[in-house]
């Protein structure tokens, strides 16, 4: 039986099985089997599937992927926020290739990919969807684009992303499993587990071939979250929701939609409405900060900041510049909000903040 057929069969059995305390361990075992099959499917897909695949080369400070149904305006959004020139039309599947663009914002060069529109069943290969969606697994941020009149597509897209191992806007479960050769399963938890019991945990571990291990759980995890902690294919990627074509909706409809999706950014891409806000939100969601370098004996370079992740240390910044800056590091001086006074001496473990000025002093 093909792997997709096996996946479908287990999914049907899970749907038919009523969830209660007596069946939770059985459902847990089924979901563990399902997770392992999906992980195998993802690995097969990534190791050279039949047909022409989609290959992207990452560049810049971060990578963002636009995901949405056909004709939601992804190409228009790409053109508005980057230097790309994506083909725009009124027909479905206008974008047949991966269209890249660079969004330059606050000194950062952010790579944006417009991928072909997905459809229901994409994660199962429909419309080359598995290949298309796989591009999102390497993104630093996923922009889900909805048509203002089709908000129901959000759950479809989230389900499709989850089916290929992406966990949008989810945190990594705080679960540690250390395998041992003998001794059985030793389970300990720092919280009261209300969503999963010990019998279910053991069933899931056995399905993964784990019969002896020290298991430490620090979250009140569900069955799905516990399985995810064992699944090496899971990607935890932030997601930003964008509702497009708001200029076509009346105020009453729009207010109702905003109450249902308060976290979304509402734009009209073809008119440029809220595009600046979208650029700002992308920068914020990527957790990027600007560091201005002040070489010894020279003025601070405010024209081209170094773009790094929030909470980056001096050591991480130094490695980005050149490994010799770490090897020969003597001290650093920082001006900005991360220090108590201007020009404070700090070490490699010091955490920098946005718009800090940094001078690295090395041994001669």
Foldseek 3Di string as FASTA:
>chain_A
DDLLVVLVVLVVVLVVDDDDPVCLLVNLLSVLVNLVSLLVVLVVVVVDDPDDFADDDDDWDFEEEEAAAFPLCPQLLQVLQFVWRQDDDDDAQSPVHWTWTWGQDLQTTYIYTYFHYADQCLLVCPPPSVRRLVVVLRGQEYEYEAELVCPVCVVSVCVSNVSNQEHEPDDQFPKDKAADPDDFEAEDEPDDADADDPSSLCSSCVSVVGGGIYMYGDDNDHSVNSSSNVRPRHGYHYYAYEYEPCVVDDPVSVVVVCVVVVRHHYYHSVVPGCSVVVVVVVCVRSQKAWEWEDEPPGHTDSPRTDIDHAQAFQQVVLVVVPNVLVVFFDWKFKADDQDDHHRDIDDRNRTDGHHIYMYTDGDD
